[in-house]
Amino acid sequence: MLEQMIIVGPESLIISLTTALFVSMVFTLQIAKEFLYFNATSLIGAVLTLAFIRELSPVLTSVIIIGRVGSCFTAELATMRVTEQVDALYLLNTNPLLYLVFPRIIACVLMLPILNFLSFATSIAGSAFICSILYDIDPTIFFTSAFSSLLLYDVMNSLLKTTIFGFFISVISCLWGLSTTGGAKGVGKSTTSSVVTSLLTVFILDFMLSYLMFNTLDSSIKTF
């Protein structure tokens, strides 16, 4: 389990943070300029923060994990399946689900929310940097706007999203790997199918979770 957590977490950290940094800077380039036209400088930090914490950070982090870790899980288990290493575990009186699948699920469920939070922090830092360097927006104004709009509710929902994403990514990757047949060709097909299925699942779940989470928040605000 510790080995899988290292693969999902520390070994995926650099690529996750790099992606978050450059995506946030590109996103800021597009958003900040439009807000400056309307003289709405004080809203830039709030809008970017909500966009990152609610959608961009969870989805981007999950997509990176699918490409880097999910495909690795599928290819590894598929290779073990076609070379009959999984069958050898039964001879050793070892349950493959407990030995191979369960640690991977736990690793994704625990590490993906941490990666998401670090990616969010990196995104905010990148956005503040671009606003300060290119648009001469005081970082104090940016961060005041950002943290005034950031609610604990949004942070918890973002972490919950990535927890659910991590569970489905790991389960789908492992199932495709363990159901592989057909030798080396089957390994390639399973890996491709695993990545495609995981991506579609994350996008569909993201819509469903966002609809449920933010409809609940809007209803609570109206009631209050």
Protein backbone atom coordinates (compact mmCIF):
# COMPACT_ATOMS: atom_id res chain seq x y z
CA MET A 1 0.00 0.00 0.00
CA LEU A 2 2.85 2.40 0.84
CA GLU A 3 4.47 1.68 -2.51
CA GLN A 4 1.24 2.50 -4.34
CA MET A 5 0.76 5.69 -2.30
CA ILE A 6 4.24 6.84 -3.33
CA ILE A 7 3.40 6.19 -6.99
CA VAL A 8 0.12 8.11 -6.81
CA GLY A 9 1.35 10.91 -4.55
CA PRO A 10 5.02 12.02 -4.49
CA GLU A 11 5.91 10.62 -7.91
CA SER A 12 2.94 12.40 -9.50
CA LEU A 13 3.45 15.67 -7.63
CA ILE A 14 5.76 17.48 -10.05
CA ILE A 15 3.66 16.87 -13.14
CA SER A 16 0.47 17.78 -11.25
CA LEU A 17 1.87 21.06 -9.97
CA THR A 18 3.45 21.95 -13.32
CA THR A 19 0.17 21.36 -15.12
CA ALA A 20 -1.77 23.35 -12.52
CA LEU A 21 0.68 26.24 -12.77
CA PHE A 22 0.58 26.65 -16.53
CA VAL A 23 -3.15 26.01 -16.88
CA SER A 24 -3.84 28.63 -14.21
CA MET A 25 -1.59 31.15 -15.94
CA VAL A 26 -3.29 30.58 -19.30
CA PHE A 27 -6.72 30.77 -17.68
CA THR A 28 -5.76 34.00 -15.94
CA LEU A 29 -4.56 35.52 -19.21
CA GLN A 30 -8.00 34.93 -20.68
CA ILE A 31 -10.08 35.97 -17.68
CA ALA A 32 -8.19 38.93 -16.19
CA LYS A 33 -8.13 40.94 -19.39
CA GLU A 34 -11.91 40.75 -19.77
CA PHE A 35 -12.50 41.82 -16.17
CA LEU A 36 -10.15 44.77 -16.57
CA TYR A 37 -12.27 46.00 -19.47
CA PHE A 38 -15.22 46.26 -17.07
CA ASN A 39 -13.09 47.78 -14.31
CA ALA A 40 -13.83 44.77 -12.08
CA THR A 41 -10.33 44.18 -10.73
CA SER A 42 -11.58 43.26 -7.28
CA LEU A 43 -13.54 40.30 -8.70
CA ILE A 44 -10.69 38.59 -10.54
CA GLY A 45 -9.33 36.73 -7.52
CA ALA A 46 -12.78 35.55 -6.46
CA VAL A 47 -13.75 34.24 -9.89
CA LEU A 48 -10.47 32.42 -10.43
CA THR A 49 -10.54 30.91 -6.95
CA LEU A 50 -14.04 29.51 -7.38
CA ALA A 51 -13.19 28.17 -10.83
CA PHE A 52 -10.06 26.42 -9.55
CA ILE A 53 -11.44 24.97 -6.31
CA ARG A 54 -14.75 23.82 -7.76
CA GLU A 55 -13.81 22.48 -11.17
CA LEU A 56 -10.38 22.94 -12.68
CA SER A 57 -8.18 21.56 -9.90
CA PRO A 58 -10.21 18.39 -9.21
CA VAL A 59 -10.72 17.55 -12.88
CA LEU A 60 -7.19 18.35 -14.06
CA THR A 61 -5.61 16.44 -11.20
CA SER A 62 -7.83 13.44 -11.92
CA VAL A 63 -6.99 13.54 -15.64
CA ILE A 64 -3.28 13.54 -14.82
CA ILE A 65 -3.69 10.61 -12.45
CA ILE A 66 -5.65 8.70 -15.10
CA GLY A 67 -2.92 9.20 -17.66
CA ARG A 68 0.00 8.53 -15.39
CA VAL A 69 -1.23 6.16 -12.68
CA GLY A 70 -4.44 4.60 -13.98
CA SER A 71 -2.79 3.41 -17.18
CA CYS A 72 0.12 2.08 -15.11
CA PHE A 73 -2.25 0.10 -12.87
CA THR A 74 -4.03 -1.40 -15.86
CA ALA A 75 -0.87 -2.31 -17.77
CA GLU A 76 0.76 -3.83 -14.70
CA LEU A 77 -2.23 -5.96 -13.72
CA ALA A 78 -2.94 -6.89 -17.34
CA THR A 79 0.62 -8.14 -17.76
CA MET A 80 0.30 -10.15 -14.57
CA ARG A 81 -2.96 -11.57 -15.86
CA VAL A 82 -1.71 -12.70 -19.27
CA THR A 83 1.49 -14.15 -17.78
CA GLU A 84 -0.59 -16.11 -15.21
CA GLN A 85 0.96 -14.38 -12.21
CA VAL A 86 -2.53 -13.71 -10.87
CA ASP A 87 -3.30 -17.42 -11.01
CA ALA A 88 -0.09 -18.07 -9.10
CA LEU A 89 -1.44 -15.96 -6.22
CA TYR A 90 -4.36 -18.36 -5.85
CA LEU A 91 -1.86 -21.24 -5.56
CA LEU A 92 -0.15 -19.28 -2.78
CA ASN A 93 -3.53 -18.94 -1.02
CA THR A 94 -3.50 -15.15 -1.58
CA ASN A 95 -6.56 -13.20 -2.64
CA PRO A 96 -5.60 -11.05 -5.68
CA LEU A 97 -8.26 -8.48 -4.81
CA LEU A 98 -6.82 -7.88 -1.37
CA TYR A 99 -3.20 -8.06 -2.49
CA LEU A 100 -3.37 -6.18 -5.81
CA VAL A 101 -6.56 -4.11 -5.99
CA PHE A 102 -7.27 -2.93 -2.45
CA PRO A 103 -3.90 -1.13 -1.90
CA ARG A 104 -4.31 0.72 -5.21
CA ILE A 105 -7.81 1.87 -4.32
CA ILE A 106 -6.71 3.11 -0.90
CA ALA A 107 -3.70 4.89 -2.41
CA CYS A 108 -5.83 6.80 -4.93
CA VAL A 109 -8.54 7.67 -2.41
CA LEU A 110 -6.02 9.04 0.09
CA MET A 111 -3.52 10.78 -2.19
CA LEU A 112 -5.74 12.35 -4.85
CA PRO A 113 -7.35 14.90 -2.47
CA ILE A 114 -3.89 15.94 -1.27
CA LEU A 115 -2.68 16.41 -4.83
CA ASN A 116 -5.84 18.38 -5.57
CA PHE A 117 -5.27 20.76 -2.68
CA LEU A 118 -1.63 21.34 -3.63
CA SER A 119 -2.64 21.91 -7.25
CA PHE A 120 -5.21 24.46 -6.12
CA ALA A 121 -2.62 26.34 -4.08
CA THR A 122 -0.25 26.32 -7.05
CA SER A 123 -3.01 27.59 -9.35
CA ILE A 124 -3.77 30.53 -7.06
CA ALA A 125 -0.07 31.41 -6.83
CA GLY A 126 0.31 31.25 -10.61
CA SER A 127 -2.74 33.45 -11.14
CA ALA A 128 -1.50 36.03 -8.62
CA PHE A 129 1.88 36.08 -10.36
CA ILE A 130 0.36 36.72 -13.81
CA CYS A 131 -1.98 39.39 -12.46
CA SER A 132 0.90 41.16 -10.74
CA ILE A 133 3.44 40.95 -13.59
CA LEU A 134 1.25 41.49 -16.65
CA TYR A 135 -1.72 43.48 -15.39
CA ASP A 136 -0.16 45.38 -12.46
CA ILE A 137 -2.76 44.11 -10.00
CA ASP A 138 -1.62 44.33 -6.39
CA PRO A 139 -1.29 40.80 -4.91
CA THR A 140 -2.99 42.11 -1.75
CA ILE A 141 -6.10 42.95 -3.75
CA PHE A 142 -5.98 39.60 -5.53
CA PHE A 143 -5.61 37.48 -2.39
CA THR A 144 -8.18 39.53 -0.45
CA SER A 145 -10.68 38.90 -3.21
CA ALA A 146 -9.68 35.24 -3.48
CA PHE A 147 -9.96 34.34 0.20
CA SER A 148 -13.12 36.38 0.75
CA SER A 149 -14.91 34.13 -1.75
CA LEU A 150 -13.36 30.85 -0.58
CA LEU A 151 -15.74 28.90 1.63
CA LEU A 152 -14.98 25.79 3.67
CA TYR A 153 -17.97 24.24 1.89
CA ASP A 154 -16.20 24.61 -1.47
CA VAL A 155 -12.96 23.15 -0.13
CA MET A 156 -14.74 20.12 1.36
CA ASN A 157 -16.70 19.53 -1.84
CA SER A 158 -13.51 19.73 -3.88
CA LEU A 159 -11.81 17.15 -1.66
CA LEU A 160 -14.92 14.96 -1.76
CA LYS A 161 -14.95 15.12 -5.54
CA THR A 162 -11.37 13.94 -5.83
CA THR A 163 -11.98 11.19 -3.29
CA ILE A 164 -14.83 9.85 -5.42
CA PHE A 165 -12.80 10.31 -8.59
CA GLY A 166 -9.88 8.43 -7.05
CA PHE A 167 -12.12 5.52 -6.10
CA PHE A 168 -13.60 5.15 -9.57
CA ILE A 169 -10.28 5.66 -11.36
CA SER A 170 -8.58 2.93 -9.34
CA VAL A 171 -11.50 0.49 -9.58
CA ILE A 172 -11.88 0.93 -13.34
CA SER A 173 -8.13 0.63 -13.94
CA CYS A 174 -7.83 -2.52 -11.87
CA LEU A 175 -10.93 -4.17 -13.37
CA TRP A 176 -9.71 -3.61 -16.92
CA GLY A 177 -6.32 -4.99 -15.96
CA LEU A 178 -7.63 -8.14 -14.29
CA SER A 179 -10.09 -8.85 -17.13
CA THR A 180 -7.38 -8.75 -19.82
CA THR A 181 -7.03 -11.62 -22.30
CA GLY A 182 -5.14 -12.08 -25.53
CA GLY A 183 -1.49 -11.56 -24.66
CA ALA A 184 0.43 -8.36 -25.43
CA LYS A 185 -2.27 -7.10 -27.79
CA GLY A 186 -4.84 -7.50 -25.04
CA VAL A 187 -2.67 -5.48 -22.64
CA GLY A 188 -2.64 -2.55 -25.06
CA LYS A 189 -6.40 -2.73 -25.64
CA SER A 190 -7.14 -2.91 -21.92
CA THR A 191 -4.88 0.05 -21.14
CA THR A 192 -6.52 2.19 -23.81
CA SER A 193 -10.02 1.18 -22.74
CA SER A 194 -9.17 1.86 -19.11
CA VAL A 195 -8.00 5.41 -19.81
CA VAL A 196 -11.01 6.22 -22.02
CA THR A 197 -13.50 4.76 -19.55
CA SER A 198 -11.91 6.57 -16.61
CA LEU A 199 -11.94 9.91 -18.43
CA LEU A 200 -15.59 9.60 -19.39
CA THR A 201 -16.50 8.51 -15.89
CA VAL A 202 -14.72 11.49 -14.31
CA PHE A 203 -16.43 13.98 -16.65
CA ILE A 204 -19.87 12.48 -16.06
CA LEU A 205 -19.35 12.29 -12.30
CA ASP A 206 -18.07 15.86 -12.27
CA PHE A 207 -21.31 17.11 -13.81
CA MET A 208 -23.48 15.06 -11.46
CA LEU A 209 -21.55 16.05 -8.32
CA SER A 210 -21.41 19.73 -9.30
CA TYR A 211 -25.15 19.76 -9.94
CA LEU A 212 -25.91 18.18 -6.58
CA MET A 213 -23.39 20.15 -4.55
CA PHE A 214 -24.03 23.64 -5.83
CA ASN A 215 -27.80 23.26 -6.14
CA THR A 216 -27.77 22.37 -2.45
CA LEU A 217 -25.65 25.44 -1.68
CA ASP A 218 -27.94 27.75 -3.69
CA SER A 219 -31.02 26.31 -1.99
CA SER A 220 -29.46 26.82 1.45
CA ILE A 221 -28.58 30.45 0.66
CA LYS A 222 -32.09 31.18 -0.60
CA THR A 223 -33.62 29.57 2.49
CA PHE A 224 -31.35 31.60 4.77
